[in-house]
């Protein structure tokens, strides 16, 4: 039993799952625009800089209101249309977008 549990945990760790934002027919430019608008509305300015302290719950609500949904994907490659958003609260630059995972078309998945 312990061996099975250990094996299951190893498989999950190796799978490298992450959460992504998806929206029908969206591309990187539309995600970037919505992401930056939501960072701005969910953020509290930090002095005169281009930085805000983001409330992640407000950020996620903002993206959902703009038609985005979340889905689990790989941390290695995904079909096109999977976009990484903010996962942690903290200071971010208004102009920054989280690093994206390379896309690839997977068998049985349609392009977004």
Protein backbone atom coordinates (compact mmCIF):
# COMPACT_ATOMS: atom_id res chain seq x y z
CA UNK A 1 0.00 0.00 0.00
CA UNK A 2 2.77 2.45 0.94
CA UNK A 3 4.62 1.59 -2.27
CA UNK A 4 1.51 2.33 -4.35
CA UNK A 5 1.02 5.67 -2.62
CA UNK A 6 4.67 6.60 -3.15
CA UNK A 7 4.43 5.67 -6.83
CA UNK A 8 1.27 7.75 -7.25
CA UNK A 9 2.97 10.78 -5.66
CA UNK A 10 5.98 10.39 -7.94
CA UNK A 11 3.77 10.22 -11.03
CA UNK A 12 1.96 13.40 -9.97
CA UNK A 13 5.23 15.21 -9.32
CA UNK A 14 6.63 14.19 -12.70
CA UNK A 15 3.49 15.19 -14.56
CA UNK A 16 4.34 18.84 -13.98
CA UNK A 17 0.79 20.17 -13.94
CA UNK A 18 0.06 23.90 -13.92
CA UNK A 19 -3.06 26.00 -14.26
CA UNK A 20 -3.72 27.96 -17.45
CA UNK A 21 -6.25 30.49 -18.69
CA UNK A 22 -8.28 29.64 -21.81
CA UNK A 23 -10.76 31.57 -23.93
CA UNK A 24 -12.19 30.50 -27.30
CA UNK A 25 -10.28 32.01 -30.23
CA UNK A 26 -7.96 34.00 -27.94
CA UNK A 27 -4.35 34.72 -28.80
CA UNK A 28 -1.42 36.05 -26.83
CA UNK A 29 -2.25 39.68 -27.56
CA UNK A 30 -5.81 39.32 -26.24
CA UNK A 31 -4.58 37.50 -23.14
CA UNK A 32 -1.93 40.17 -22.56
CA UNK A 33 -4.50 42.97 -22.82
CA UNK A 34 -6.92 41.28 -20.41
CA UNK A 35 -4.12 40.21 -18.06
CA UNK A 36 -2.72 43.73 -17.80
CA UNK A 37 -6.18 45.27 -17.32
CA UNK A 38 -6.93 42.77 -14.54
CA UNK A 39 -3.55 43.34 -12.86
CA UNK A 40 -4.29 47.06 -12.87
CA UNK A 41 -7.80 46.64 -11.42
CA UNK A 42 -6.68 44.05 -8.84
CA UNK A 43 -3.55 45.92 -7.82
CA UNK A 44 -2.75 48.54 -5.23
CA UNK A 45 -0.12 51.03 -6.46
CA UNK A 46 3.27 50.86 -4.78
CA UNK A 47 4.62 54.42 -4.88
CA UNK A 48 5.46 56.13 -8.14
CA UNK A 49 6.69 52.98 -9.86
CA UNK A 50 5.03 50.83 -12.49
CA UNK A 51 4.44 48.22 -9.73
CA UNK A 52 1.28 47.13 -7.95
CA UNK A 53 0.54 44.72 -5.14
CA UNK A 54 -1.95 42.27 -6.68
CA UNK A 55 -4.87 40.57 -4.95
CA UNK A 56 -4.97 37.23 -6.81
CA UNK A 57 -8.65 36.55 -6.02
CA UNK A 58 -9.66 39.88 -7.58
CA UNK A 59 -7.34 39.21 -10.54
CA UNK A 60 -8.92 35.79 -11.20
CA UNK A 61 -12.45 37.19 -10.88
CA UNK A 62 -11.56 39.89 -13.40
CA UNK A 63 -10.30 37.35 -15.95
CA UNK A 64 -13.41 35.18 -15.47
CA UNK A 65 -15.62 38.23 -16.05
CA UNK A 66 -13.78 38.75 -19.34
CA UNK A 67 -14.64 35.21 -20.48
CA UNK A 68 -11.51 33.29 -19.43
CA UNK A 69 -11.65 29.88 -17.75
CA UNK A 70 -8.95 27.89 -15.96
CA UNK A 71 -7.72 24.44 -16.93
CA UNK A 72 -4.88 22.19 -15.84
CA UNK A 73 -2.12 21.68 -18.36
CA UNK A 74 1.47 20.54 -18.58
CA UNK A 75 4.41 22.60 -17.44
CA UNK A 76 6.30 21.41 -20.55
CA UNK A 77 4.03 21.93 -23.59
CA UNK A 78 0.35 22.56 -24.29
CA UNK A 79 -1.95 23.10 -27.23
CA UNK A 80 -1.98 26.69 -28.43
CA UNK A 81 -4.38 28.89 -26.48
CA UNK A 82 -3.12 28.03 -22.98
CA UNK A 83 -1.87 31.12 -21.16
CA UNK A 84 -0.14 31.43 -17.79
CA UNK A 85 -1.49 34.09 -15.46
CA UNK A 86 -0.58 35.20 -11.96
CA UNK A 87 -0.65 32.47 -9.34
CA UNK A 88 0.70 34.33 -6.31
CA UNK A 89 -0.04 37.60 -4.61
CA UNK A 90 2.73 40.08 -4.59
CA UNK A 91 4.20 43.05 -6.35
CA UNK A 92 4.29 42.91 -10.15
CA UNK A 93 4.95 45.41 -12.92
CA UNK A 94 1.85 46.51 -14.79
CA UNK A 95 3.57 45.86 -18.11
CA UNK A 96 4.81 42.33 -17.30
CA UNK A 97 3.17 39.10 -18.42
CA UNK A 98 4.04 35.76 -16.75
CA UNK A 99 6.47 33.56 -18.66
CA UNK A 100 4.56 31.29 -21.01
CA UNK A 101 5.10 27.57 -21.63
CA UNK A 102 5.80 26.68 -25.27
CA UNK A 103 2.74 25.50 -27.20
CA UNK A 104 2.43 22.41 -29.29
CA UNK A 105 -0.52 20.70 -30.86
CA UNK A 106 -1.43 17.54 -29.00
CA UNK A 107 -3.22 14.62 -30.67
CA UNK A 108 -6.97 14.76 -30.17
CA UNK A 109 -7.00 18.45 -29.17
CA UNK A 110 -8.23 21.18 -31.45
CA UNK A 111 -6.29 24.41 -31.90
CA UNK A 112 -7.67 27.37 -29.99
